N, C-alpha and C. Protein backbone atom coordinates (compact mmCIF):
# COMPACT_ATOMS: atom_id res chain seq x y z
N MET A 1 0.85 -1.19 0.00
CA MET A 1 0.00 0.00 0.00
C MET A 1 0.88 1.24 0.00
N ALA A 2 0.52 2.22 -0.80
CA ALA A 2 1.28 3.47 -0.89
C ALA A 2 1.25 4.20 0.44
N GLY A 3 2.31 4.94 0.68
CA GLY A 3 2.37 5.71 1.92
C GLY A 3 3.44 6.78 1.85
N VAL A 4 3.40 7.64 2.84
CA VAL A 4 4.39 8.71 2.97
C VAL A 4 5.15 8.47 4.26
N VAL A 5 6.46 8.47 4.16
CA VAL A 5 7.30 8.27 5.33
C VAL A 5 7.70 9.63 5.88
N HIS A 6 7.61 9.78 7.19
CA HIS A 6 8.06 10.99 7.88
C HIS A 6 9.26 10.61 8.73
N VAL A 7 10.36 11.31 8.51
CA VAL A 7 11.58 11.05 9.27
C VAL A 7 11.98 12.34 9.98
N PRO A 8 11.81 12.40 11.30
CA PRO A 8 12.24 13.59 12.04
C PRO A 8 13.74 13.53 12.34
N TRP A 9 14.43 14.62 12.07
CA TRP A 9 15.86 14.72 12.35
C TRP A 9 16.08 15.91 13.28
N TYR A 10 17.04 15.78 14.17
CA TYR A 10 17.40 16.90 15.03
C TYR A 10 18.92 17.00 15.05
N ALA A 11 19.43 18.12 14.54
CA ALA A 11 20.87 18.32 14.41
C ALA A 11 21.52 18.53 15.78
N THR A 12 22.77 18.13 15.87
CA THR A 12 23.56 18.41 17.06
C THR A 12 24.22 19.78 16.91
N GLY A 13 24.77 20.29 18.00
CA GLY A 13 25.31 21.64 18.05
C GLY A 13 26.19 22.05 16.88
N LEU A 14 25.86 23.17 16.28
CA LEU A 14 26.62 23.80 15.20
C LEU A 14 26.75 22.94 13.94
N ARG A 15 25.89 21.95 13.79
CA ARG A 15 25.96 21.09 12.60
C ARG A 15 24.69 21.15 11.76
N SER A 16 23.80 22.07 12.07
CA SER A 16 22.50 22.11 11.38
C SER A 16 22.64 22.44 9.89
N ASP A 17 23.55 23.32 9.54
CA ASP A 17 23.72 23.66 8.12
C ASP A 17 24.29 22.49 7.33
N ARG A 18 25.25 21.81 7.92
CA ARG A 18 25.81 20.62 7.25
C ARG A 18 24.76 19.52 7.11
N LEU A 19 23.95 19.33 8.16
CA LEU A 19 22.90 18.33 8.09
C LEU A 19 21.86 18.71 7.04
N ALA A 20 21.52 19.98 6.94
CA ALA A 20 20.56 20.43 5.92
C ALA A 20 21.05 20.07 4.53
N ALA A 21 22.31 20.34 4.25
CA ALA A 21 22.87 20.03 2.94
C ALA A 21 22.89 18.52 2.68
N ALA A 22 23.29 17.76 3.69
CA ALA A 22 23.36 16.30 3.54
C ALA A 22 21.96 15.70 3.34
N LEU A 23 20.97 16.21 4.08
CA LEU A 23 19.60 15.72 3.90
C LEU A 23 19.08 16.04 2.50
N GLY A 24 19.44 17.22 1.99
CA GLY A 24 19.05 17.56 0.63
C GLY A 24 19.60 16.56 -0.37
N ASP A 25 20.84 16.14 -0.17
CA ASP A 25 21.44 15.17 -1.08
C ASP A 25 20.81 13.79 -0.96
N ILE A 26 20.66 13.29 0.26
CA ILE A 26 20.13 11.93 0.44
C ILE A 26 18.64 11.86 0.10
N ALA A 27 17.90 12.92 0.29
CA ALA A 27 16.47 12.91 -0.02
C ALA A 27 16.24 12.66 -1.51
N ARG A 28 17.07 13.25 -2.36
CA ARG A 28 16.94 13.08 -3.81
C ARG A 28 17.13 11.63 -4.24
N VAL A 29 17.93 10.90 -3.51
CA VAL A 29 18.23 9.50 -3.84
C VAL A 29 16.97 8.64 -3.78
N ALA A 30 15.97 9.06 -3.03
CA ALA A 30 14.73 8.28 -2.91
C ALA A 30 14.10 8.00 -4.27
N MET A 31 14.28 8.90 -5.22
CA MET A 31 13.70 8.72 -6.55
C MET A 31 14.28 7.48 -7.24
N ARG A 32 15.51 7.14 -6.95
CA ARG A 32 16.13 5.93 -7.53
C ARG A 32 15.46 4.66 -7.03
N TYR A 33 14.79 4.76 -5.88
CA TYR A 33 14.16 3.59 -5.27
C TYR A 33 12.65 3.59 -5.50
N GLY A 34 12.16 4.42 -6.39
CA GLY A 34 10.75 4.41 -6.75
C GLY A 34 9.88 5.42 -6.04
N ALA A 35 10.47 6.37 -5.33
CA ALA A 35 9.66 7.38 -4.65
C ALA A 35 8.89 8.22 -5.66
N ARG A 36 7.67 8.57 -5.30
CA ARG A 36 6.88 9.50 -6.12
C ARG A 36 7.29 10.93 -5.86
N SER A 37 7.70 11.22 -4.63
CA SER A 37 8.10 12.57 -4.25
C SER A 37 8.98 12.49 -3.01
N TYR A 38 9.66 13.59 -2.75
CA TYR A 38 10.47 13.71 -1.54
C TYR A 38 10.48 15.17 -1.13
N SER A 39 10.77 15.44 0.13
CA SER A 39 10.91 16.81 0.61
C SER A 39 11.70 16.79 1.92
N VAL A 40 12.30 17.91 2.21
CA VAL A 40 12.97 18.13 3.49
C VAL A 40 12.54 19.50 3.98
N PHE A 41 12.00 19.54 5.18
CA PHE A 41 11.56 20.79 5.80
C PHE A 41 12.52 21.14 6.93
N ARG A 42 12.81 22.44 7.06
CA ARG A 42 13.61 22.93 8.19
C ARG A 42 12.73 23.92 8.94
N TYR A 43 12.57 23.68 10.22
CA TYR A 43 11.69 24.51 11.03
C TYR A 43 12.28 25.89 11.23
N GLN A 44 11.46 26.92 11.16
CA GLN A 44 11.93 28.28 11.35
C GLN A 44 12.09 28.64 12.83
N ASP A 45 11.28 28.01 13.69
CA ASP A 45 11.38 28.33 15.12
C ASP A 45 12.47 27.54 15.83
N ASP A 46 13.02 26.53 15.18
CA ASP A 46 14.11 25.72 15.73
C ASP A 46 14.95 25.25 14.55
N ARG A 47 16.01 25.94 14.23
CA ARG A 47 16.81 25.69 13.03
C ARG A 47 17.58 24.37 13.08
N TYR A 48 17.49 23.65 14.20
CA TYR A 48 18.13 22.34 14.32
C TYR A 48 17.16 21.20 14.00
N LYS A 49 15.90 21.52 13.80
CA LYS A 49 14.85 20.53 13.61
C LYS A 49 14.48 20.42 12.13
N PHE A 50 14.42 19.17 11.63
CA PHE A 50 14.12 18.88 10.23
C PHE A 50 13.07 17.79 10.14
N LEU A 51 12.34 17.79 9.04
CA LEU A 51 11.41 16.71 8.73
C LEU A 51 11.64 16.31 7.28
N GLN A 52 12.00 15.06 7.09
CA GLN A 52 12.17 14.52 5.74
C GLN A 52 10.94 13.68 5.42
N THR A 53 10.40 13.82 4.22
CA THR A 53 9.28 13.00 3.79
C THR A 53 9.58 12.40 2.43
N ALA A 54 8.98 11.25 2.17
CA ALA A 54 9.08 10.61 0.87
C ALA A 54 7.84 9.77 0.67
N GLU A 55 7.30 9.81 -0.53
CA GLU A 55 6.10 9.03 -0.86
C GLU A 55 6.51 7.84 -1.73
N PHE A 56 6.14 6.65 -1.29
CA PHE A 56 6.46 5.41 -2.00
C PHE A 56 5.19 4.61 -2.26
N ASP A 57 5.24 3.79 -3.30
CA ASP A 57 4.12 2.89 -3.59
C ASP A 57 4.05 1.73 -2.62
N SER A 58 5.21 1.32 -2.09
CA SER A 58 5.22 0.19 -1.16
C SER A 58 6.24 0.41 -0.05
N HIS A 59 5.98 -0.24 1.05
CA HIS A 59 6.90 -0.17 2.19
C HIS A 59 8.24 -0.82 1.83
N GLU A 60 8.22 -1.81 0.95
CA GLU A 60 9.44 -2.47 0.53
C GLU A 60 10.38 -1.50 -0.20
N GLN A 61 9.81 -0.59 -1.01
CA GLN A 61 10.63 0.41 -1.68
C GLN A 61 11.31 1.32 -0.65
N TRP A 62 10.53 1.72 0.35
CA TRP A 62 11.09 2.55 1.41
C TRP A 62 12.23 1.83 2.11
N GLU A 63 12.02 0.59 2.48
CA GLU A 63 13.05 -0.16 3.19
C GLU A 63 14.30 -0.34 2.34
N ALA A 64 14.13 -0.53 1.04
CA ALA A 64 15.29 -0.64 0.15
C ALA A 64 16.09 0.67 0.15
N TYR A 65 15.40 1.80 0.16
CA TYR A 65 16.05 3.10 0.22
C TYR A 65 16.72 3.32 1.57
N TRP A 66 15.99 3.10 2.65
CA TRP A 66 16.49 3.32 4.01
C TRP A 66 17.70 2.43 4.31
N ASN A 67 17.69 1.20 3.82
CA ASN A 67 18.77 0.25 4.08
C ASN A 67 19.78 0.17 2.93
N GLY A 68 19.59 0.98 1.90
CA GLY A 68 20.48 0.95 0.75
C GLY A 68 21.86 1.52 1.04
N PRO A 69 22.79 1.33 0.13
CA PRO A 69 24.17 1.77 0.36
C PRO A 69 24.31 3.28 0.53
N GLU A 70 23.48 4.05 -0.18
CA GLU A 70 23.59 5.51 -0.07
C GLU A 70 23.21 5.98 1.33
N PHE A 71 22.12 5.41 1.88
CA PHE A 71 21.69 5.83 3.22
C PHE A 71 22.62 5.28 4.29
N ARG A 72 23.16 4.11 4.07
CA ARG A 72 24.15 3.58 5.02
C ARG A 72 25.36 4.51 5.07
N ASP A 73 25.83 4.93 3.90
CA ASP A 73 26.96 5.87 3.85
C ASP A 73 26.62 7.19 4.52
N PHE A 74 25.39 7.68 4.29
CA PHE A 74 24.93 8.91 4.93
C PHE A 74 25.03 8.78 6.45
N ARG A 75 24.53 7.67 6.98
CA ARG A 75 24.53 7.49 8.43
C ARG A 75 25.95 7.38 8.99
N VAL A 76 26.87 6.80 8.23
CA VAL A 76 28.26 6.72 8.68
C VAL A 76 28.91 8.09 8.67
N ILE A 77 28.79 8.79 7.55
CA ILE A 77 29.45 10.09 7.40
C ILE A 77 28.86 11.14 8.32
N CYS A 78 27.55 11.12 8.49
CA CYS A 78 26.85 12.18 9.24
C CYS A 78 26.46 11.76 10.64
N SER A 79 26.99 10.66 11.14
CA SER A 79 26.53 10.10 12.42
C SER A 79 26.61 11.08 13.58
N GLY A 80 27.53 11.99 13.61
CA GLY A 80 27.63 12.94 14.70
C GLY A 80 26.86 14.23 14.48
N TRP A 81 26.15 14.30 13.38
CA TRP A 81 25.45 15.53 13.01
C TRP A 81 24.00 15.57 13.47
N TYR A 82 23.46 14.45 13.96
CA TYR A 82 22.07 14.40 14.38
C TYR A 82 21.92 13.51 15.61
N GLN A 83 20.83 13.75 16.33
CA GLN A 83 20.57 12.97 17.54
C GLN A 83 19.92 11.64 17.17
N VAL A 84 20.24 10.63 17.93
CA VAL A 84 19.64 9.31 17.74
C VAL A 84 18.82 8.97 18.97
N PRO A 85 17.84 8.13 18.88
CA PRO A 85 17.47 7.37 17.69
C PRO A 85 16.66 8.21 16.71
N VAL A 86 16.70 7.79 15.45
CA VAL A 86 15.88 8.38 14.40
C VAL A 86 14.75 7.38 14.14
N LEU A 87 13.55 7.78 14.49
CA LEU A 87 12.39 6.88 14.35
C LEU A 87 11.45 7.42 13.29
N TYR A 88 11.37 6.73 12.17
CA TYR A 88 10.49 7.17 11.09
C TYR A 88 9.08 6.63 11.29
N GLY A 89 8.14 7.24 10.59
CA GLY A 89 6.75 6.79 10.64
C GLY A 89 6.20 6.62 9.24
N TRP A 90 5.63 5.47 8.96
CA TRP A 90 4.97 5.17 7.69
C TRP A 90 3.53 5.62 7.81
N THR A 91 3.08 6.53 6.96
CA THR A 91 1.74 7.09 7.07
C THR A 91 0.95 6.89 5.79
N ASP A 92 -0.37 6.94 5.89
CA ASP A 92 -1.24 6.94 4.72
C ASP A 92 -1.55 8.38 4.35
N LEU A 93 -1.45 8.69 3.07
CA LEU A 93 -1.79 10.02 2.59
C LEU A 93 -3.31 10.08 2.44
N VAL A 94 -3.95 10.95 3.19
CA VAL A 94 -5.41 11.07 3.17
C VAL A 94 -5.84 12.07 2.11
N VAL A 95 -5.19 13.21 2.06
CA VAL A 95 -5.52 14.23 1.06
C VAL A 95 -4.31 15.14 0.88
N SER A 96 -4.17 15.68 -0.31
CA SER A 96 -3.13 16.67 -0.56
C SER A 96 -3.61 17.59 -1.68
N GLY A 97 -2.95 18.69 -1.82
CA GLY A 97 -3.30 19.63 -2.87
C GLY A 97 -2.15 20.59 -3.08
N SER A 98 -2.21 21.31 -4.17
CA SER A 98 -1.19 22.31 -4.44
C SER A 98 -1.74 23.30 -5.46
N LEU A 99 -1.08 24.41 -5.55
CA LEU A 99 -1.42 25.43 -6.52
C LEU A 99 -0.38 25.41 -7.63
N GLU A 100 -0.84 25.63 -8.85
CA GLU A 100 0.09 25.78 -9.95
C GLU A 100 0.60 27.21 -9.95
N PRO A 101 1.82 27.42 -10.44
CA PRO A 101 2.28 28.80 -10.59
C PRO A 101 1.32 29.56 -11.51
N ALA A 102 1.18 30.87 -11.30
CA ALA A 102 0.20 31.68 -12.03
C ALA A 102 0.34 31.54 -13.54
N HIS A 103 1.56 31.57 -14.07
CA HIS A 103 1.73 31.49 -15.52
C HIS A 103 1.31 30.12 -16.06
N ALA A 104 1.53 29.06 -15.34
CA ALA A 104 1.13 27.73 -15.78
C ALA A 104 -0.38 27.59 -15.73
N ALA A 105 -1.00 28.13 -14.69
CA ALA A 105 -2.46 28.05 -14.58
C ALA A 105 -3.12 28.81 -15.72
N ARG A 106 -2.61 30.00 -16.05
CA ARG A 106 -3.19 30.79 -17.14
C ARG A 106 -3.08 30.06 -18.46
N SER A 107 -1.93 29.47 -18.77
CA SER A 107 -1.76 28.82 -20.06
C SER A 107 -2.64 27.58 -20.16
N SER A 108 -2.78 26.82 -19.09
CA SER A 108 -3.62 25.63 -19.17
C SER A 108 -5.09 25.99 -19.26
N ILE A 109 -5.50 27.08 -18.62
CA ILE A 109 -6.90 27.51 -18.72
C ILE A 109 -7.18 27.99 -20.13
N SER A 110 -6.32 28.82 -20.71
CA SER A 110 -6.57 29.33 -22.05
C SER A 110 -6.55 28.22 -23.08
N GLU A 111 -5.66 27.24 -22.93
CA GLU A 111 -5.64 26.12 -23.86
C GLU A 111 -6.93 25.32 -23.75
N HIS A 112 -7.40 25.11 -22.52
CA HIS A 112 -8.62 24.36 -22.31
C HIS A 112 -9.82 25.09 -22.88
N VAL A 113 -9.93 26.38 -22.66
CA VAL A 113 -11.06 27.17 -23.15
C VAL A 113 -11.03 27.19 -24.67
N GLU A 114 -9.86 27.46 -25.28
CA GLU A 114 -9.78 27.49 -26.74
C GLU A 114 -10.19 26.14 -27.31
N GLY A 115 -9.73 25.06 -26.69
CA GLY A 115 -10.07 23.72 -27.18
C GLY A 115 -11.56 23.46 -27.09
N ASP A 116 -12.19 23.92 -26.01
CA ASP A 116 -13.63 23.72 -25.85
C ASP A 116 -14.43 24.53 -26.86
N LEU A 117 -14.01 25.77 -27.10
CA LEU A 117 -14.73 26.62 -28.03
C LEU A 117 -14.56 26.16 -29.47
N ALA A 118 -13.38 25.63 -29.78
CA ALA A 118 -13.10 25.22 -31.15
C ALA A 118 -13.70 23.86 -31.46
N GLY A 119 -13.91 23.07 -30.46
CA GLY A 119 -14.25 21.69 -30.80
C GLY A 119 -15.47 21.21 -30.20
């Protein structure tokens, strides 16, 4: 069953910028393991706190990513940059939405209207 994984990270002293960069790199790797999407959030009220998310079709894909060589290397190289334990949560996506950029929304609306009027 498809799901979204939430991984909370908390940086150790003076390592939050390095952890932010490293999380950005490792988050992208999820796409190699079949992720539909990935993101990393950094909290504004606590610059040491991060939330990594990734959407996968199956829990097996997530486990392959989490236990894969890239993430193992990440944990070795960055082991002193975050607090342990790191406990992820597999969640069901109930609803989501987004807005298109204004220029993309305008072009798709005009194409749709022209197509409807012409045909």
